[in-house]
Protein backbone atom coordinates (compact mmCIF):
# COMPACT_ATOMS: atom_id res chain seq x y z
CA MET A 1 110.10 105.30 105.78
CA SER A 2 107.41 106.94 107.87
CA SER A 3 105.08 107.18 104.89
CA HIS A 4 107.38 107.93 101.96
CA ARG A 5 106.41 105.82 98.94
CA GLU A 6 104.59 103.42 101.29
CA ALA A 7 102.02 102.22 98.75
CA PRO A 8 102.39 101.35 95.05
CA GLU A 9 100.02 103.97 93.59
CA ILE A 10 100.95 106.94 95.76
CA SER A 11 104.65 106.31 95.09
CA LYS A 12 103.86 107.45 91.53
CA ASP A 13 102.28 110.69 92.76
CA PRO A 14 104.75 112.45 95.10
CA VAL A 15 102.90 115.79 95.01
CA ALA A 16 99.99 114.12 96.85
CA ASP A 17 102.10 111.76 98.98
CA SER A 18 101.71 112.55 102.68
CA SER A 19 105.11 111.53 104.04
CA ASP A 20 105.11 112.57 107.71
CA LEU A 21 102.67 113.97 110.24
CA TYR A 22 103.59 115.64 113.53
CA ALA A 23 101.30 116.97 116.25
CA PHE A 24 102.57 118.38 119.54
CA VAL A 25 102.02 121.06 122.14
CA SER A 26 104.28 123.89 121.00
CA PRO A 27 107.34 123.98 123.29
CA ASP A 28 107.74 127.77 122.99
CA LYS A 29 103.99 128.54 122.99
CA PRO A 30 102.40 125.93 125.28
CA ASP A 31 98.90 127.36 124.83
CA THR A 32 99.02 126.26 121.18
CA VAL A 33 99.28 123.03 119.20
CA THR A 34 101.51 122.67 116.17
CA ILE A 35 100.65 120.25 113.36
CA LEU A 36 103.08 119.60 110.51
CA ALA A 37 101.92 117.71 107.43
CA ASN A 38 104.71 116.91 104.98
CA TYR A 39 104.33 116.14 101.29
CA VAL A 40 106.50 115.77 98.16
CA PRO A 41 109.09 113.52 99.84
CA LEU A 42 112.69 112.67 98.95
CA GLN A 43 113.58 115.96 97.27
CA GLY A 44 117.11 116.29 96.00
CA PRO A 45 118.05 119.94 96.68
CA ALA A 46 119.42 120.50 93.17
CA GLY A 47 116.04 120.35 91.47
CA GLY A 48 116.19 122.99 88.74
CA PRO A 49 114.91 124.28 86.50
CA ASN A 50 111.55 122.89 87.69
CA PHE A 51 111.91 123.08 91.44
CA TYR A 52 109.57 121.25 93.78
CA GLU A 53 106.18 122.67 94.73
CA PHE A 54 102.72 121.79 96.01
CA GLY A 55 100.04 120.70 93.55
CA ASP A 56 97.46 123.22 92.37
CA ASP A 57 95.23 120.25 91.60
CA VAL A 58 95.50 118.64 95.06
CA LEU A 59 93.26 119.30 98.06
CA TYR A 60 95.46 119.03 101.16
CA GLU A 61 93.70 118.63 104.52
CA ILE A 62 94.44 118.26 108.22
CA HIS A 63 91.61 116.64 110.17
CA ILE A 64 90.75 116.81 113.87
CA ASP A 65 88.51 114.37 115.76
CA ASN A 66 87.61 115.77 119.18
CA ASN A 67 84.79 113.41 120.21
CA GLY A 68 86.33 109.98 119.63
CA ASP A 69 84.26 108.72 116.69
CA ALA A 70 87.21 108.78 114.24
CA CYS A 71 85.31 111.17 111.96
CA PRO A 72 86.58 114.73 111.50
CA ASP A 73 84.95 117.44 113.57
CA ILE A 74 87.28 120.06 112.11
CA SER A 75 89.16 120.08 108.81
CA PHE A 76 91.75 122.60 107.72
CA GLN A 77 91.91 122.76 103.92
CA PHE A 78 94.85 124.04 101.89
CA ARG A 79 94.57 124.95 98.18
CA PHE A 80 97.53 126.20 96.15
CA THR A 81 97.81 128.42 93.07
CA THR A 82 100.91 128.76 90.93
CA VAL A 83 101.62 132.05 89.16
CA ILE A 84 104.11 132.78 86.35
CA GLU A 85 105.24 136.32 87.11
CA LEU A 86 107.65 137.04 84.24
CA GLY A 87 107.08 134.65 81.38
CA GLY A 88 109.32 134.37 78.33
CA THR A 89 112.01 132.45 80.24
CA PHE A 90 112.74 128.86 81.21
CA LEU A 91 114.25 130.05 84.50
CA TYR A 92 112.75 129.84 87.98
CA ASN A 93 114.46 133.14 88.79
CA LYS A 94 116.52 135.65 86.81
CA GLY A 95 118.51 137.04 89.71
CA PRO A 96 118.83 136.89 93.51
CA ILE A 97 115.49 136.44 95.29
CA THR A 98 115.87 138.84 98.22
CA SER A 99 112.21 139.17 99.25
CA LEU A 100 108.86 137.49 98.70
CA ASN A 101 108.02 140.32 96.27
CA SER A 102 111.23 140.03 94.28
CA THR A 103 110.69 141.06 90.65
CA VAL A 104 113.21 138.49 89.39
CA TRP A 105 111.30 135.49 90.81
CA ASN A 106 109.35 133.90 87.97
CA ARG A 107 107.35 130.98 89.39
CA ARG A 108 105.55 131.60 92.68
CA GLN A 109 102.92 129.80 94.76
CA PHE A 110 100.15 131.16 96.94
CA TYR A 111 97.59 129.32 99.04
CA SER A 112 94.44 129.62 101.08
CA VAL A 113 93.54 128.08 104.44
CA THR A 114 89.90 127.23 105.13
CA ARG A 115 88.46 125.78 108.32
CA VAL A 116 85.44 123.48 107.91
CA ASP A 117 83.41 122.51 110.99
CA HIS A 118 81.49 119.26 110.62
CA ASN A 119 79.63 119.18 113.94
CA ALA A 120 76.31 120.33 112.54
CA ARG A 121 76.27 117.86 109.67
CA SER A 122 73.94 114.91 109.82
CA ASP A 123 75.64 112.47 107.42
CA ARG A 124 78.47 110.93 109.47
CA SER A 125 78.27 107.35 108.26
CA GLY A 126 81.49 105.38 107.77
CA GLY A 127 82.92 104.19 104.51
CA ARG A 128 85.32 104.99 101.72
CA PHE A 129 85.91 108.14 99.73
CA GLY A 130 84.22 110.71 101.88
CA ASN A 131 81.35 109.17 103.82
CA GLY A 132 83.51 109.11 106.93
CA PHE A 133 83.99 112.84 106.45
CA GLY A 134 80.27 113.50 106.81
CA ARG A 135 80.03 114.37 103.11
CA ARG A 136 79.35 112.82 99.73
CA ASP A 137 81.88 112.57 96.93
CA ASP A 138 79.97 115.29 95.05
CA GLU A 139 79.49 117.63 98.01
CA ASP A 140 80.79 121.19 97.62
CA TRP A 141 83.85 121.68 99.82
CA SER A 142 84.06 125.42 99.22
CA ARG A 143 82.02 126.07 102.37
CA GLY A 144 83.89 127.02 105.52
CA THR A 145 85.69 129.90 107.21
CA VAL A 146 88.68 131.33 105.35
CA LEU A 147 91.53 131.79 107.82
CA ALA A 148 94.10 133.00 105.30
CA ALA A 149 93.93 133.94 101.62
CA ASN A 150 96.67 134.50 99.07
CA ALA A 151 99.32 133.50 101.60
CA PRO A 152 102.79 133.30 100.01
CA CYS A 153 105.06 130.27 99.87
CA PRO A 154 108.79 130.98 99.97
CA PRO A 155 110.91 129.88 97.03
CA CYS A 156 112.86 126.65 97.12
CA ASN A 157 116.37 127.01 98.48
CA ILE A 158 118.45 127.15 95.31
CA GLY A 159 121.87 128.40 96.37
CA PRO A 160 123.86 131.35 97.72
CA ARG A 161 123.37 133.44 94.58
CA SER A 162 119.68 132.82 93.94
CA THR A 163 118.48 132.67 97.58
CA PRO A 164 121.22 134.47 99.53
CA ASN A 165 119.27 134.80 102.79
CA TYR A 166 116.90 131.87 102.78
CA ALA A 167 116.08 131.90 106.49
CA GLN A 168 114.78 135.45 106.12
CA LEU A 169 112.62 134.49 103.14
CA ALA A 170 111.11 131.56 105.05
CA SER A 171 110.44 133.68 108.13
CA ALA A 172 108.65 136.29 105.99
CA ALA A 173 106.37 133.54 104.65
CA ILE A 174 104.88 132.78 108.09
CA THR A 175 101.31 134.11 107.86
CA PRO A 176 98.91 134.94 110.74
CA LEU A 177 95.54 133.19 110.79
CA ALA A 178 92.21 134.86 111.39
CA GLY A 179 91.09 133.94 114.91
CA GLY A 180 94.63 133.28 116.15
CA GLY A 181 97.60 131.14 115.21
CA GLN A 182 99.89 131.08 112.20
CA VAL A 183 100.66 129.02 109.13
CA PHE A 184 103.60 128.24 106.87
CA ALA A 185 103.74 126.24 103.65
CA GLY A 186 106.95 125.62 101.79
CA GLN A 187 110.19 123.73 101.52
CA ARG A 188 111.92 122.46 104.68
CA ALA A 189 114.77 120.12 105.51
CA GLU A 190 113.56 116.53 105.84
CA GLY A 191 113.15 115.98 109.58
CA PHE A 192 112.50 112.24 109.57
CA TYR A 193 115.65 110.24 110.18
CA VAL A 194 115.99 106.56 109.34
CA ASP A 195 118.61 103.99 108.37
CA LEU A 196 116.45 102.89 105.47
CA GLY A 197 119.13 100.96 103.63
CA SER A 198 119.83 98.78 106.66
CA ILE A 199 116.25 98.19 107.80
CA PHE A 200 115.04 97.06 104.39
CA ASP A 201 118.07 94.81 103.99
CA LEU A 202 116.24 91.94 105.70
CA GLY A 203 115.57 93.87 108.89
CA ALA A 204 119.18 94.58 109.79
CA LEU A 205 120.09 97.12 112.47
CA ARG A 206 123.74 98.09 112.27
CA PRO A 207 124.39 98.33 116.06
CA VAL A 208 123.18 94.72 116.57
CA GLN A 209 123.71 93.24 113.11
CA SER A 210 126.28 90.74 114.44
CA LEU A 211 123.27 88.89 115.91
CA HIS A 212 121.48 88.73 112.54
CA LEU A 213 120.80 85.49 110.67
CA ILE A 214 123.31 86.78 108.10
CA PRO A 215 125.78 88.43 110.48
CA VAL A 216 127.95 91.43 109.70
CA PRO A 217 130.31 93.11 112.19
CA PRO A 218 128.37 95.68 114.21
CA SER A 219 128.59 99.42 113.63
CA ALA A 220 127.65 101.88 116.36
CA ALA A 221 126.34 104.41 113.87
CA GLY A 222 123.62 103.97 111.30
CA VAL A 223 123.32 105.80 107.99
CA ASN A 224 120.57 108.41 107.76
CA ALA A 225 119.07 107.89 104.30
CA THR A 226 117.23 111.25 104.40
CA LYS A 227 120.12 113.39 105.66
CA ASP A 228 120.60 115.41 102.45
CA LEU A 229 116.97 115.62 101.32
CA ASN A 230 114.17 118.17 101.55
CA VAL A 231 110.40 118.02 101.80
CA HIS A 232 107.43 120.39 101.45
CA SER A 233 105.69 121.07 104.74
CA ILE A 234 102.32 122.52 105.71
CA ALA A 235 102.81 123.88 109.23
CA LEU A 236 99.78 124.93 111.25
CA GLN A 237 99.90 126.42 114.76
CA VAL A 238 96.60 127.19 116.46
CA PRO A 239 95.37 127.79 120.01
CA LYS A 240 94.37 124.60 121.82
CA ARG A 241 90.86 125.98 122.26
CA ALA A 242 90.48 126.00 118.46
CA LEU A 243 90.61 122.19 118.45
CA THR A 244 88.36 121.23 121.38
CA GLY A 245 84.66 120.55 121.18
CA ASP A 246 83.75 123.12 123.82
CA GLY A 247 86.13 125.87 122.70
CA ARG A 248 88.11 125.75 125.94
CA SER A 249 91.80 125.21 126.44
CA PRO A 250 92.25 121.82 128.18
CA THR A 251 94.07 121.71 131.53
CA ASP A 252 93.24 118.26 132.96
CA PRO A 253 95.21 115.37 131.37
CA SER A 254 92.73 112.84 132.76
CA ASN A 255 89.77 114.44 130.98
CA SER A 256 88.80 112.78 127.69
CA SER A 257 88.08 116.19 126.17
CA SER A 258 91.81 116.96 126.38
CA VAL A 259 92.56 114.36 123.68
CA VAL A 260 92.23 114.91 119.94
CA GLY A 261 92.86 112.59 117.01
CA VAL A 262 94.80 114.03 114.06
CA TRP A 263 95.37 112.81 110.51
CA THR A 264 96.13 114.34 107.15
CA THR A 265 94.89 113.56 103.64
CA ALA A 266 95.38 114.53 100.02
CA SER A 267 92.60 114.29 97.44
CA ARG A 268 92.37 114.66 93.69
CA GLN A 269 89.41 115.31 91.44
CA LYS A 270 88.27 112.30 89.49
CA VAL A 271 88.67 113.72 85.97
CA ASN A 272 91.85 115.30 84.56
CA PHE A 273 91.88 116.95 81.15
CA PHE A 274 94.79 118.05 78.99
CA GLY A 275 94.87 120.19 75.87
CA ASN A 276 97.19 122.40 73.86
CA GLU A 277 96.22 125.52 75.79
CA HIS A 278 94.35 124.34 78.88
CA HIS A 279 94.52 121.56 81.41
CA GLY A 280 92.90 120.98 84.76
CA SER A 281 90.67 118.78 86.88
CA VAL A 282 86.94 118.52 87.40
CA GLY A 283 84.51 116.35 89.31
CA PRO A 284 84.25 115.15 92.89
CA TRP A 285 87.28 114.84 95.14
CA THR A 286 88.72 111.38 95.75
CA GLN A 287 91.15 110.75 98.58
CA VAL A 288 94.45 109.31 97.36
CA SER A 289 96.66 109.59 100.44
CA ARG A 290 96.36 109.75 104.22
CA LEU A 291 98.56 109.53 107.28
CA GLY A 292 98.03 109.22 111.02
CA ASN A 293 100.55 107.20 113.02
CA PRO A 294 104.00 106.93 111.46
CA LEU A 295 104.82 103.64 109.71
CA PHE A 296 101.25 102.30 109.97
CA ASN A 297 100.64 101.67 106.27
CA GLU A 298 104.35 101.11 105.73
CA VAL A 299 104.73 98.18 108.14
CA LEU A 300 101.32 96.94 109.30
CA VAL A 301 99.22 96.81 106.12
CA VAL A 302 99.80 94.03 103.59
CA MET A 303 101.01 95.01 100.13
CA GLU A 304 97.75 94.25 98.33
CA ARG A 305 95.72 96.52 100.69
CA LYS A 306 98.05 99.52 100.86
CA ASP A 307 96.32 101.47 98.10
CA ASP A 308 92.92 100.70 99.65
CA TRP A 309 94.13 102.01 103.01
CA ASN A 310 95.13 105.33 101.45
CA GLY A 311 91.57 105.79 100.18
CA ASP A 312 89.80 104.74 103.39
CA GLN A 313 88.78 106.76 106.44
CA PRO A 314 90.03 106.15 110.00
CA ALA A 315 86.54 105.17 111.15
CA GLY A 316 86.81 102.00 109.05
CA ASP A 317 90.25 100.90 110.23
CA SER A 318 88.98 97.86 112.13
CA GLN A 319 89.41 96.04 108.79
CA TYR A 320 93.18 96.54 109.17
CA ALA A 321 93.35 95.70 112.87
CA ASP A 322 94.75 92.20 112.35
CA GLY A 323 98.00 93.70 111.08
CA VAL A 324 98.31 95.43 114.47
CA LEU A 325 97.09 92.53 116.61
CA HIS A 326 99.35 90.00 114.82
CA PRO A 327 102.13 92.07 113.24
CA GLU A 328 104.21 90.24 110.66
CA LEU A 329 107.43 91.88 111.86
CA ALA A 330 107.00 90.39 115.36
CA ALA A 331 107.09 86.92 113.81
CA LEU A 332 110.04 87.80 111.58
CA LEU A 333 112.33 89.18 114.29
CA PRO A 334 113.00 85.80 115.99
CA VAL A 335 113.79 84.34 112.56
CA LEU A 336 116.07 87.18 111.50
CA TYR A 337 117.77 87.20 114.91
CA PRO A 338 118.04 83.48 115.88
CA ASN A 339 119.75 81.68 118.77
CA GLY A 340 117.27 82.89 121.36
CA VAL A 341 117.82 86.62 120.85
CA PHE A 342 114.04 87.10 120.84
CA ALA A 343 112.99 83.92 122.64
CA ASN A 344 110.24 85.54 124.70
CA LEU A 345 108.86 87.34 121.67
CA ALA A 346 108.86 84.05 119.74
CA ALA A 347 106.84 82.39 122.52
CA LEU A 348 104.36 85.29 122.50
CA VAL A 349 103.92 85.02 118.74
CA SER A 350 103.49 81.24 118.94
CA SER A 351 100.78 81.66 121.59
CA GLY A 352 98.60 83.50 119.09
CA LYS A 353 97.68 86.12 121.69
CA PRO A 354 96.59 89.38 120.07
CA ARG A 355 98.82 92.38 120.65
CA ALA A 356 96.40 94.47 122.67
CA ASP A 357 99.32 96.71 123.65
CA LEU A 358 99.89 97.74 120.03
CA ALA A 359 96.17 98.17 119.49
CA ALA A 360 96.09 100.62 122.40
CA VAL A 361 99.08 102.56 121.11
CA LEU A 362 97.98 102.75 117.47
CA LEU A 363 94.21 102.17 117.23
CA THR A 364 92.43 103.46 120.35
CA GLY A 365 94.92 105.38 122.43
CA ILE A 366 96.12 104.29 125.87
CA PRO A 367 93.35 104.26 128.50
CA ALA A 368 93.76 105.82 131.93
CA GLY A 369 95.10 103.58 134.69
CA ILE A 370 97.75 101.77 132.62
CA ILE A 371 100.53 104.38 132.82
CA PRO A 372 100.33 106.58 135.93
CA GLY A 373 99.27 110.11 135.05
CA PHE A 374 98.90 109.41 131.35
CA GLN A 375 96.13 108.67 128.87
CA ASN A 376 95.36 109.54 125.27
CA PHE A 377 92.32 107.30 124.84
CA THR A 378 89.75 108.30 122.24
CA GLY A 379 87.32 105.43 122.73
CA SER A 380 86.68 101.94 121.42
CA THR A 381 86.58 102.86 117.72
CA GLN A 382 89.71 101.43 116.13
CA ALA A 383 91.29 104.11 113.98
CA ASP A 384 94.73 105.12 112.84
CA MET A 385 95.13 108.66 114.17
CA LEU A 386 97.85 110.52 116.01
CA ARG A 387 96.35 111.03 119.47
CA LEU A 388 97.46 114.09 121.38
CA ASN A 389 96.60 114.85 125.00
CA MET A 390 96.82 118.63 124.83
CA ALA A 391 96.77 119.03 128.63
CA ILE A 392 100.14 117.32 129.00
CA PRO A 393 102.74 120.12 128.94
CA PRO A 394 105.70 120.09 126.56
CA ASN A 395 109.10 119.01 127.83
CA PRO A 396 111.59 121.30 126.07
CA SER A 397 114.37 121.02 128.66
CA LYS A 398 114.76 117.22 128.93
CA PRO A 399 112.95 115.56 126.03
CA SER A 400 113.56 111.91 125.21
CA VAL A 401 113.66 110.85 121.57
CA LEU A 402 112.00 107.63 122.77
CA GLY A 403 108.93 109.56 123.94
CA LEU A 404 106.74 107.62 126.34
CA LEU A 405 109.09 104.62 126.19
CA GLY A 406 111.82 106.97 127.45
CA GLY A 407 109.66 108.26 130.30
CA ASP A 408 108.64 111.43 128.43
CA PRO A 409 104.83 111.66 128.11
CA ALA A 410 105.10 114.72 125.85
CA GLY A 411 106.39 112.54 123.01
CA PHE A 412 105.17 109.73 120.77
CA PRO A 413 102.67 108.08 120.99
CA ASN A 414 101.30 111.22 122.63
CA GLY A 415 101.23 112.99 119.31
CA ARG A 416 104.62 113.12 117.63
CA ARG A 417 107.42 115.67 117.91
CA VAL A 418 109.94 116.32 115.14
CA ALA A 419 112.85 114.69 117.03
CA ASP A 420 111.01 111.58 118.24
CA ASP A 421 112.80 108.43 117.04
CA ILE A 422 109.65 106.70 115.92
CA VAL A 423 111.51 103.92 114.06
CA THR A 424 113.28 102.77 117.22
CA ILE A 425 110.14 103.30 119.33
CA GLU A 426 107.92 101.20 117.08
CA LEU A 427 110.56 98.51 116.56
CA ARG A 428 110.91 98.12 120.33
CA ALA A 429 107.15 98.11 120.80
CA ILE A 430 106.67 95.39 118.17
CA ALA A 431 109.55 93.44 119.76
CA GLY A 432 107.61 93.35 123.03
CA ALA A 433 108.64 96.43 125.01
CA THR A 434 105.02 97.52 125.53
CA TYR A 435 103.41 94.11 126.09
CA PRO A 436 103.90 94.24 129.92
CA LEU A 437 101.39 97.10 129.94
CA ILE A 438 98.63 94.55 129.40
CA ASP A 439 100.37 91.42 130.76
CA ALA A 440 102.67 92.00 133.72
CA SER A 441 103.89 88.39 133.56
CA PHE A 442 105.62 88.99 130.22
CA THR A 443 109.32 89.86 130.27
CA PRO A 444 110.69 91.55 127.16
CA ASP A 445 113.86 89.97 125.79
CA SER A 446 117.05 91.66 126.95
CA ALA A 447 117.85 92.46 123.32
CA VAL A 448 114.82 94.76 123.10
CA SER A 449 116.58 97.57 124.95
CA ALA A 450 119.48 97.28 122.50
CA VAL A 451 117.22 97.65 119.46
CA THR A 452 118.13 100.94 117.83
CA GLN A 453 118.77 102.17 114.32
CA GLY A 454 121.81 104.14 115.50
CA VAL A 455 120.76 107.38 113.80
CA ALA A 456 120.64 110.71 115.63
CA PRO A 457 118.01 113.43 115.14
CA ASP A 458 118.63 116.25 112.70
CA THR A 459 118.98 119.91 113.63
CA TYR A 460 115.61 121.60 114.13
CA LEU A 461 114.46 125.14 114.79
CA PRO A 462 113.45 126.12 118.35
CA ALA A 463 110.30 127.86 117.07
CA PHE A 464 107.67 127.57 114.34
CA PRO A 465 107.84 125.92 111.83
CA TYR A 466 110.44 123.80 113.72
CA LEU A 467 111.75 121.81 110.75
CA GLY A 468 115.14 123.10 109.67
CA THR A 469 116.14 125.32 106.77
CA PRO A 470 116.10 123.27 103.56
CA LEU A 471 119.41 122.32 102.03
CA ASP A 472 120.34 124.24 98.89
CA GLY A 473 121.31 122.65 95.62
CA TYR A 474 124.65 124.42 95.30
CA ASP A 475 126.19 123.23 98.57
CA THR A 476 124.58 119.79 98.93
CA PRO A 477 126.19 116.73 97.36
CA SER A 478 123.99 114.85 94.90
CA THR A 479 122.28 111.84 96.51
């Protein structure tokens, strides 16, 4: 999936597993940018008595690069605290939770939001475990500007008796930020849609699986593996001017200052201790998870380097560039779909030419002059970041789930919106759909336009936090 269980070690630590990242100009508030960072993936709604929550011992962060060096200029930090309100019971709640102050709600979470500006710091060398942040492993991260303190999370959506008006509870948990904007942290419906069972069954796609090496009659519709699951989301909406280097709201799409790089991380302290009465963590923070572009670590990083990638910083991603320039899946597609289905792609792979088109999409952004009126270029530093041109307006009336491939520059790879079909987009790109951008003589195979997973987007909210109301455990079949 986008980044669910994408590496061996982080698959054992779901509380710190960054599963999806979205960044887009808010369709209902186009002077703001919304960033959604999802964690704790693959939640079955019936999760009692210990329902899902963020980790008190995890440092969650959203990072912004606004000068193209793939080091954070701004970091938004999120720290959570869990409180037992009642005690003396094994229950999450002892009656209907009708407000965020309900006296029957036993286990609650609160959090703080801190903005850290790195521009004045001198140590911005690259490397693992923090040097790319402009800090040392042992540097104090308590410095910064607190934008929200003691902000409440809503409860998990349990069922019609325990959480009878969940939408109201979630809405009440949206908290204003000092300096402008708003934040939400809590359970949401999983917004990422994917036919996971088909794709990992030797690269099958149900709509075109009759062409597969091991053919099966085609099916127009795929099976959304995440349809009945939830996730925990950190949703941040801030004015555009809060993310730029000069503090101005960008208006010119051709100006490099209109583009920001975005990624999210989770870190843990190096030492955990457990005792009969106390447990906790001490020591310097160590990054254990990160996410920029969807599917990057999932598909483009070899198995033995996946855990390393999660601990590295974007500024050092040139070491992973070969997986982008010579993607394994591009070589597999002509094998999995024989008889000339991907003949042109096979010839491209055999030529050994590096995939500069994919490098532009995923590692540097697309320079000006390639697609008329569009660019999200951050410079020559190869780094896995979502790149968002904030001066390109949203397209709420006629969006394409294929984003830029569908003629919609407001969508992926210009950031990522919640409905963007990034699986189909990246499959088509790897299959050769984007190669004519750097070589006009190349003709993508006719099958490329038929490549689709056959899964439709979920139902989303028209306003912040955009991801839908989480499914409750009472009404949702067990998955």
